């Protein structure tokens, strides 16, 4: 199955380099390019790519705002953002805006290709543990906990328990050991959590858990 990719970066030379890397792969196709965030939003609407490779720091509409607009308007499109530092406010903002992960701009070609395939398959390329470190680092900008997530009421007690463990960065195997259930059972719980909450992946589970107050910074 071919994966279509939109390249969004304000530097044409970088876009050309990424295009050469991606189009050398038989299953990847670059369908369009964008030079800023506003153009990325427009090109996503026109071409409906599977994955948007999004530079965070662009003039005008930056990558964070573009990511937010794309993920709201096109829930099936995955956004993979590029940043200079892995633990900074830009990566934090991108995850909260709906990105399925982020990569450093000096990523190796093989890692870039693997990451695009991963997010296209519906997974995240940022571990929940890294997400948690980001959220705790920038916890001062999190909104106060409240009732902004009424959909949490749809979760069963066990699903809420699994959600909290996912948010703490545990893998399915670790959650299974913690709850004395099978890994397949945990996988089923995680799938239902994502469906009930309308989330794309485990990274978004971590963000929601912090924003809703289920998990607070420094609490293990």
Foldseek 3Di string as FASTA:
>chain_A
DAFEEEEEALDVVLVVVLQVLQVVDPRYHHPYYHNALVVVLVVCVVPVGQEYEAEQDHPDHGRLNSLLSCCVVPVRHAYEYEDQDLQDVSQLSNLVSAHLYYDYSVDDSVVVNVQSVQVSVLEGPDALCSLLVNCLVPVVPADDADCPQVLVVVADPVLLVLLVVLLNRDDLVRVCVVVVHDSVVSVVSLVVVCVSRVHRYSSNSNVCCDNNVVDDRPDD
